């Protein structure tokens, strides 16, 4: 069973209650993102997530329909305004389902690499689909 945490034209974030795994599933409308739209969307996402009593430490990030190529400036903004806020406490596991768009995948990977340089406790693994990602996270203790 899943419970919706946040839903917009760009993303749905929900929780698999049985495993306490959170999923971020991006939608095709991300093709219309501008830097400002991206920032404002993430500000709303952060507000929703920090209101949770316990932020799940296992997250699926489904980028199959994410079409926004993050510039180096946006990668920096994301690291400073998203990663540093959401993932600064404890150990986190991210299961990433990549975009079929190679350029988007490269930019997202650069964002993660920038983030990893901050020495936060993140374990990241890549998958082809939601079920494989969920299965891996369910096995993480």
N, C-alpha and C. Protein backbone atom coordinates (compact mmCIF):
# COMPACT_ATOMS: atom_id res chain seq x y z
N UNK A 1 0.84 -1.18 0.00
CA UNK A 1 0.00 0.00 0.00
C UNK A 1 0.89 1.25 0.00
N UNK A 2 0.49 2.23 -0.79
CA UNK A 2 1.28 3.46 -0.83
C UNK A 2 0.44 4.65 -0.38
N UNK A 3 1.13 5.59 0.24
CA UNK A 3 0.51 6.81 0.73
C UNK A 3 1.19 7.99 0.05
N UNK A 4 0.40 8.87 -0.56
CA UNK A 4 0.96 10.03 -1.25
C UNK A 4 1.43 11.07 -0.23
N UNK A 5 2.64 11.54 -0.43
CA UNK A 5 3.23 12.58 0.41
C UNK A 5 3.12 13.93 -0.29
N UNK A 6 3.36 13.92 -1.60
CA UNK A 6 3.34 15.15 -2.39
C UNK A 6 2.99 14.77 -3.82
N UNK A 7 2.16 15.60 -4.46
CA UNK A 7 1.79 15.33 -5.85
C UNK A 7 1.60 16.66 -6.57
N UNK A 8 2.20 16.76 -7.75
CA UNK A 8 2.09 17.97 -8.57
C UNK A 8 2.10 17.54 -10.03
N UNK A 9 1.99 18.49 -10.95
CA UNK A 9 2.10 18.11 -12.37
C UNK A 9 3.48 17.55 -12.73
N UNK A 10 4.49 17.77 -11.87
CA UNK A 10 5.87 17.39 -12.19
C UNK A 10 6.36 16.12 -11.50
N UNK A 11 5.83 15.83 -10.34
CA UNK A 11 6.35 14.72 -9.54
C UNK A 11 5.28 14.18 -8.60
N UNK A 12 5.36 12.89 -8.34
CA UNK A 12 4.57 12.29 -7.26
C UNK A 12 5.57 11.67 -6.30
N UNK A 13 5.40 11.99 -5.02
CA UNK A 13 6.23 11.39 -3.98
C UNK A 13 5.29 10.62 -3.07
N UNK A 14 5.63 9.36 -2.88
CA UNK A 14 4.78 8.52 -2.04
C UNK A 14 5.62 7.60 -1.18
N UNK A 15 4.95 6.99 -0.21
CA UNK A 15 5.61 6.10 0.73
C UNK A 15 4.98 4.72 0.62
N UNK A 16 5.83 3.71 0.43
CA UNK A 16 5.37 2.32 0.56
C UNK A 16 5.38 2.03 2.05
N UNK A 17 4.20 2.01 2.65
CA UNK A 17 4.10 1.90 4.11
C UNK A 17 4.68 0.60 4.65
N UNK A 18 4.49 -0.49 3.91
CA UNK A 18 4.94 -1.79 4.42
C UNK A 18 6.45 -1.89 4.57
N UNK A 19 7.20 -1.14 3.76
CA UNK A 19 8.66 -1.21 3.79
C UNK A 19 9.32 0.11 4.21
N UNK A 20 8.52 1.14 4.40
CA UNK A 20 9.01 2.49 4.72
C UNK A 20 10.01 2.99 3.67
N UNK A 21 9.68 2.71 2.41
CA UNK A 21 10.48 3.18 1.28
C UNK A 21 9.72 4.32 0.61
N UNK A 22 10.41 5.44 0.41
CA UNK A 22 9.82 6.58 -0.26
C UNK A 22 10.19 6.52 -1.74
N UNK A 23 9.29 6.96 -2.61
CA UNK A 23 9.56 7.00 -4.05
C UNK A 23 9.26 8.39 -4.59
N UNK A 24 10.18 8.89 -5.41
CA UNK A 24 10.01 10.15 -6.12
C UNK A 24 9.89 9.78 -7.60
N UNK A 25 8.70 9.93 -8.16
CA UNK A 25 8.46 9.55 -9.55
C UNK A 25 8.20 10.82 -10.35
N UNK A 26 9.17 11.17 -11.19
CA UNK A 26 9.05 12.38 -12.00
C UNK A 26 8.11 12.14 -13.17
N UNK A 27 7.45 13.22 -13.62
CA UNK A 27 6.44 13.14 -14.67
C UNK A 27 6.90 13.88 -15.94
N UNK A 28 6.26 13.59 -17.08
CA UNK A 28 6.67 14.20 -18.35
C UNK A 28 6.63 15.73 -18.37
N UNK A 29 5.82 16.35 -17.54
CA UNK A 29 5.72 17.82 -17.53
C UNK A 29 7.05 18.49 -17.19
N UNK A 30 8.03 17.72 -16.70
CA UNK A 30 9.34 18.31 -16.40
C UNK A 30 10.02 18.84 -17.66
N UNK A 31 9.51 18.47 -18.82
CA UNK A 31 10.06 19.00 -20.07
C UNK A 31 9.87 20.52 -20.15
N UNK A 32 8.92 21.04 -19.37
CA UNK A 32 8.63 22.48 -19.36
C UNK A 32 9.38 23.24 -18.26
N UNK A 33 10.19 22.54 -17.49
CA UNK A 33 10.93 23.20 -16.42
C UNK A 33 11.85 24.30 -16.95
N UNK A 34 11.88 25.38 -16.20
CA UNK A 34 12.92 26.40 -16.31
C UNK A 34 13.67 26.32 -14.99
N UNK A 35 14.77 27.03 -14.87
CA UNK A 35 15.48 27.03 -13.59
C UNK A 35 14.57 27.48 -12.46
N UNK A 36 13.80 28.53 -12.69
CA UNK A 36 12.93 29.06 -11.63
C UNK A 36 11.81 28.08 -11.27
N UNK A 37 11.21 27.46 -12.27
CA UNK A 37 10.17 26.45 -11.99
C UNK A 37 10.74 25.29 -11.19
N UNK A 38 11.92 24.83 -11.59
CA UNK A 38 12.58 23.73 -10.89
C UNK A 38 12.82 24.09 -9.43
N UNK A 39 13.35 25.28 -9.19
CA UNK A 39 13.61 25.72 -7.83
C UNK A 39 12.33 25.81 -7.00
N UNK A 40 11.30 26.41 -7.57
CA UNK A 40 10.06 26.56 -6.80
C UNK A 40 9.42 25.21 -6.53
N UNK A 41 9.52 24.29 -7.47
CA UNK A 41 8.98 22.94 -7.25
C UNK A 41 9.74 22.26 -6.11
N UNK A 42 11.04 22.36 -6.12
CA UNK A 42 11.82 21.72 -5.05
C UNK A 42 11.60 22.38 -3.70
N UNK A 43 11.32 23.66 -3.68
CA UNK A 43 11.01 24.31 -2.41
C UNK A 43 9.72 23.75 -1.82
N UNK A 44 8.73 23.49 -2.68
CA UNK A 44 7.48 22.87 -2.22
C UNK A 44 7.72 21.43 -1.76
N UNK A 45 8.55 20.70 -2.49
CA UNK A 45 8.87 19.32 -2.11
C UNK A 45 9.54 19.30 -0.74
N UNK A 46 10.51 20.16 -0.53
CA UNK A 46 11.22 20.19 0.75
C UNK A 46 10.26 20.49 1.89
N UNK A 47 9.36 21.44 1.70
CA UNK A 47 8.37 21.75 2.74
C UNK A 47 7.54 20.52 3.09
N UNK A 48 7.15 19.76 2.08
CA UNK A 48 6.37 18.54 2.33
C UNK A 48 7.18 17.50 3.08
N UNK A 49 8.44 17.33 2.70
CA UNK A 49 9.26 16.28 3.30
C UNK A 49 9.72 16.62 4.72
N UNK A 50 10.04 17.87 4.98
CA UNK A 50 10.51 18.19 6.33
C UNK A 50 9.36 18.18 7.34
N UNK A 51 8.13 18.15 6.85
CA UNK A 51 6.98 18.02 7.75
C UNK A 51 6.73 16.59 8.18
N UNK A 52 7.41 15.63 7.54
CA UNK A 52 7.26 14.23 7.95
C UNK A 52 7.88 14.04 9.32
N UNK A 53 7.24 13.22 10.15
CA UNK A 53 7.78 12.99 11.48
C UNK A 53 9.10 12.22 11.43
N UNK A 54 9.25 11.37 10.41
CA UNK A 54 10.48 10.59 10.26
C UNK A 54 10.76 10.40 8.77
N UNK A 55 11.74 11.12 8.25
CA UNK A 55 12.08 11.02 6.83
C UNK A 55 12.66 9.63 6.56
N UNK A 56 12.04 8.86 5.65
CA UNK A 56 12.56 7.53 5.35
C UNK A 56 14.00 7.60 4.84
N UNK A 57 14.79 6.63 5.23
CA UNK A 57 16.20 6.60 4.84
C UNK A 57 16.43 5.78 3.57
N UNK A 58 15.36 5.28 2.99
CA UNK A 58 15.44 4.52 1.74
C UNK A 58 14.53 5.19 0.72
N UNK A 59 15.11 5.59 -0.41
CA UNK A 59 14.35 6.34 -1.41
C UNK A 59 14.64 5.84 -2.81
N UNK A 60 13.57 5.72 -3.59
CA UNK A 60 13.67 5.44 -5.02
C UNK A 60 13.50 6.77 -5.74
N UNK A 61 14.41 7.06 -6.66
CA UNK A 61 14.29 8.26 -7.49
C UNK A 61 14.11 7.78 -8.92
N UNK A 62 12.89 7.91 -9.43
CA UNK A 62 12.55 7.42 -10.77
C UNK A 62 12.65 8.58 -11.76
N UNK A 63 13.70 8.54 -12.57
CA UNK A 63 13.98 9.62 -13.52
C UNK A 63 13.58 9.28 -14.95
N UNK A 64 12.83 8.22 -15.14
CA UNK A 64 12.50 7.80 -16.51
C UNK A 64 11.73 8.85 -17.29
N UNK A 65 10.99 9.73 -16.58
CA UNK A 65 10.25 10.79 -17.28
C UNK A 65 10.69 12.18 -16.80
N UNK A 66 11.94 12.27 -16.38
CA UNK A 66 12.53 13.54 -15.98
C UNK A 66 13.29 14.09 -17.18
N UNK A 67 12.90 15.26 -17.67
CA UNK A 67 13.45 15.78 -18.92
C UNK A 67 14.17 17.11 -18.77
N UNK A 68 14.54 17.46 -17.57
CA UNK A 68 15.20 18.75 -17.33
C UNK A 68 16.69 18.52 -17.15
N UNK A 69 17.49 19.12 -18.02
CA UNK A 69 18.95 19.02 -17.91
C UNK A 69 19.45 20.10 -16.96
N UNK A 70 20.01 19.68 -15.84
CA UNK A 70 20.47 20.62 -14.83
C UNK A 70 21.81 21.24 -15.23
N UNK A 71 21.83 22.54 -15.35
CA UNK A 71 23.07 23.26 -15.65
C UNK A 71 24.00 23.14 -14.44
N UNK A 72 25.29 23.43 -14.61
CA UNK A 72 26.19 23.41 -13.45
C UNK A 72 25.70 24.31 -12.31
N UNK A 73 25.11 25.44 -12.64
CA UNK A 73 24.58 26.34 -11.60
C UNK A 73 23.42 25.68 -10.85
N UNK A 74 22.57 24.98 -11.59
CA UNK A 74 21.43 24.31 -10.95
C UNK A 74 21.91 23.11 -10.13
N UNK A 75 22.96 22.45 -10.59
CA UNK A 75 23.54 21.35 -9.81
C UNK A 75 24.04 21.87 -8.46
N UNK A 76 24.71 23.02 -8.49
CA UNK A 76 25.18 23.64 -7.25
C UNK A 76 24.01 24.03 -6.36
N UNK A 77 22.99 24.64 -6.97
CA UNK A 77 21.81 25.04 -6.20
C UNK A 77 21.17 23.81 -5.55
N UNK A 78 21.06 22.73 -6.30
CA UNK A 78 20.44 21.50 -5.79
C UNK A 78 21.23 20.96 -4.59
N UNK A 79 22.54 20.94 -4.72
CA UNK A 79 23.37 20.45 -3.62
C UNK A 79 23.20 21.28 -2.36
N UNK A 80 23.18 22.60 -2.53
CA UNK A 80 23.09 23.50 -1.39
C UNK A 80 21.69 23.58 -0.79
N UNK A 81 20.67 23.47 -1.63
CA UNK A 81 19.30 23.73 -1.17
C UNK A 81 18.42 22.50 -1.06
N UNK A 82 18.88 21.37 -1.55
CA UNK A 82 18.08 20.14 -1.45
C UNK A 82 18.86 19.09 -0.67
N UNK A 83 19.97 18.63 -1.22
CA UNK A 83 20.73 17.56 -0.57
C UNK A 83 21.13 17.94 0.85
N UNK A 84 21.66 19.14 1.02
CA UNK A 84 22.16 19.54 2.34
C UNK A 84 21.04 19.65 3.37
N UNK A 85 19.81 19.88 2.93
CA UNK A 85 18.68 19.97 3.85
C UNK A 85 18.09 18.60 4.13
N UNK A 86 17.87 17.81 3.09
CA UNK A 86 17.17 16.54 3.26
C UNK A 86 18.04 15.40 3.74
N UNK A 87 19.30 15.40 3.35
CA UNK A 87 20.14 14.23 3.63
C UNK A 87 21.32 14.53 4.53
N UNK A 88 21.14 15.43 5.47
CA UNK A 88 22.27 15.81 6.31
C UNK A 88 22.35 15.02 7.61
N UNK A 89 21.35 14.21 7.92
CA UNK A 89 21.35 13.45 9.16
C UNK A 89 21.20 11.97 8.86
N UNK A 90 22.14 11.20 9.32
CA UNK A 90 22.01 9.75 9.20
C UNK A 90 22.51 9.20 7.88
N UNK A 91 22.23 7.92 7.70
CA UNK A 91 22.66 7.19 6.51
C UNK A 91 21.45 7.00 5.60
N UNK A 92 21.64 7.23 4.29
CA UNK A 92 20.55 7.13 3.34
C UNK A 92 20.92 6.21 2.19
N UNK A 93 19.90 5.57 1.64
CA UNK A 93 20.06 4.66 0.50
C UNK A 93 19.18 5.16 -0.63
N UNK A 94 19.78 5.39 -1.79
CA UNK A 94 19.05 5.89 -2.95
C UNK A 94 19.13 4.86 -4.07
N UNK A 95 17.96 4.44 -4.54
CA UNK A 95 17.86 3.57 -5.71
C UNK A 95 17.40 4.45 -6.86
N UNK A 96 18.25 4.60 -7.87
CA UNK A 96 17.99 5.53 -8.96
C UNK A 96 17.62 4.77 -10.22
N UNK A 97 16.51 5.16 -10.82
CA UNK A 97 16.10 4.63 -12.12
C UNK A 97 16.36 5.75 -13.12
N UNK A 98 17.35 5.55 -13.98
CA UNK A 98 17.82 6.63 -14.86
C UNK A 98 16.85 6.99 -15.97
N UNK A 99 17.01 8.22 -16.44
CA UNK A 99 16.28 8.72 -17.59
C UNK A 99 16.83 8.05 -18.85
N UNK A 100 15.97 7.80 -19.85
CA UNK A 100 16.49 7.30 -21.12
C UNK A 100 17.26 8.37 -21.90
N UNK A 101 17.12 9.63 -21.49
CA UNK A 101 17.82 10.74 -22.13
C UNK A 101 19.25 10.81 -21.57
N UNK A 102 20.22 10.52 -22.42
CA UNK A 102 21.62 10.45 -21.99
C UNK A 102 22.10 11.75 -21.36
N UNK A 103 21.75 12.88 -21.97
CA UNK A 103 22.21 14.18 -21.45
C UNK A 103 21.66 14.43 -20.05
N UNK A 104 20.38 14.14 -19.85
CA UNK A 104 19.78 14.31 -18.53
C UNK A 104 20.49 13.41 -17.52
N UNK A 105 20.77 12.17 -17.92
CA UNK A 105 21.46 11.23 -17.04
C UNK A 105 22.83 11.76 -16.63
N UNK A 106 23.56 12.32 -17.57
CA UNK A 106 24.89 12.88 -17.27
C UNK A 106 24.76 14.02 -16.26
N UNK A 107 23.83 14.93 -16.48
CA UNK A 107 23.67 16.06 -15.56
C UNK A 107 23.24 15.60 -14.17
N UNK A 108 22.34 14.64 -14.11
CA UNK A 108 21.91 14.12 -12.81
C UNK A 108 23.08 13.45 -12.10
N UNK A 109 23.85 12.66 -12.84
CA UNK A 109 25.02 11.99 -12.25
C UNK A 109 26.01 13.01 -11.72
N UNK A 110 26.23 14.10 -12.45
CA UNK A 110 27.13 15.15 -11.98
C UNK A 110 26.61 15.77 -10.68
N UNK A 111 25.29 15.92 -10.59
CA UNK A 111 24.69 16.47 -9.37
C UNK A 111 24.95 15.54 -8.20
N UNK A 112 24.77 14.23 -8.41
CA UNK A 112 25.05 13.27 -7.35
C UNK A 112 26.53 13.28 -6.96
N UNK A 113 27.42 13.37 -7.95
CA UNK A 113 28.85 13.37 -7.66
C UNK A 113 29.23 14.59 -6.82
N UNK A 114 28.68 15.73 -7.18
CA UNK A 114 28.92 16.96 -6.41
C UNK A 114 28.46 16.76 -4.97
N UNK A 115 27.31 16.16 -4.83
CA UNK A 115 26.72 15.88 -3.53
C UNK A 115 27.59 14.92 -2.74
N UNK A 116 28.10 13.87 -3.37
CA UNK A 116 28.93 12.88 -2.68
C UNK A 116 30.22 13.48 -2.16
N UNK A 117 30.70 14.53 -2.82
CA UNK A 117 31.93 15.17 -2.37
C UNK A 117 31.77 15.78 -0.98
N UNK A 118 30.56 15.98 -0.56
CA UNK A 118 30.32 16.56 0.76
C UNK A 118 30.46 15.53 1.87
N UNK A 119 30.74 14.28 1.51
CA UNK A 119 31.00 13.20 2.46
C UNK A 119 29.79 12.85 3.33
N UNK A 120 28.62 12.97 2.77
CA UNK A 120 27.44 12.53 3.49
C UNK A 120 27.29 11.03 3.30
N UNK A 121 26.57 10.40 4.19
CA UNK A 121 26.45 8.94 4.17
C UNK A 121 25.33 8.50 3.24
N UNK A 122 25.68 8.35 1.97
CA UNK A 122 24.71 7.96 0.95
C UNK A 122 25.24 6.74 0.21
N UNK A 123 24.39 5.73 0.09
CA UNK A 123 24.69 4.59 -0.77
C UNK A 123 23.72 4.68 -1.93
N UNK A 124 24.25 4.67 -3.15
CA UNK A 124 23.43 4.86 -4.35
C UNK A 124 23.66 3.69 -5.29
N UNK A 125 22.56 3.19 -5.87
CA UNK A 125 22.65 2.10 -6.84
C UNK A 125 21.63 2.37 -7.95
N UNK A 126 21.94 1.90 -9.16
CA UNK A 126 21.09 2.18 -10.33
C UNK A 126 20.31 0.94 -10.75
N UNK A 127 19.07 1.19 -11.23
CA UNK A 127 18.17 0.11 -11.62
C UNK A 127 17.43 0.46 -12.90
N UNK A 128 16.85 -0.57 -13.49
CA UNK A 128 16.07 -0.41 -14.72
C UNK A 128 14.60 -0.13 -14.45
N UNK A 129 14.08 -0.59 -13.30
CA UNK A 129 12.65 -0.43 -13.03
C UNK A 129 12.38 -0.30 -11.53
N UNK A 130 11.15 0.07 -11.23
CA UNK A 130 10.72 0.33 -9.86
C UNK A 130 10.79 -0.91 -8.99
N UNK A 131 10.38 -2.05 -9.50
CA UNK A 131 10.36 -3.27 -8.69
C UNK A 131 11.76 -3.70 -8.26
N UNK A 132 12.73 -3.64 -9.19
CA UNK A 132 14.11 -3.99 -8.83
C UNK A 132 14.64 -3.04 -7.76
N UNK A 133 14.36 -1.76 -7.92
CA UNK A 133 14.82 -0.76 -6.95
C UNK A 133 14.19 -1.01 -5.58
N UNK A 134 12.91 -1.27 -5.58
CA UNK A 134 12.20 -1.52 -4.32
C UNK A 134 12.73 -2.78 -3.65
N UNK A 135 12.99 -3.81 -4.43
CA UNK A 135 13.51 -5.07 -3.89
C UNK A 135 14.88 -4.86 -3.22
N UNK A 136 15.76 -4.10 -3.87
CA UNK A 136 17.07 -3.84 -3.28
C UNK A 136 16.93 -3.08 -1.97
N UNK A 137 16.13 -2.02 -1.97
CA UNK A 137 15.97 -1.22 -0.76
C UNK A 137 15.33 -2.02 0.37
N UNK A 138 14.39 -2.89 0.03
CA UNK A 138 13.74 -3.70 1.06
C UNK A 138 14.74 -4.62 1.75
N UNK A 139 15.80 -5.00 1.04
CA UNK A 139 16.82 -5.88 1.62
C UNK A 139 17.89 -5.15 2.41
N UNK A 140 17.91 -3.82 2.35
CA UNK A 140 18.90 -3.03 3.09
C UNK A 140 18.45 -2.93 4.54
N UNK A 141 19.37 -3.20 5.44
CA UNK A 141 19.03 -3.12 6.88
C UNK A 141 19.39 -1.79 7.46
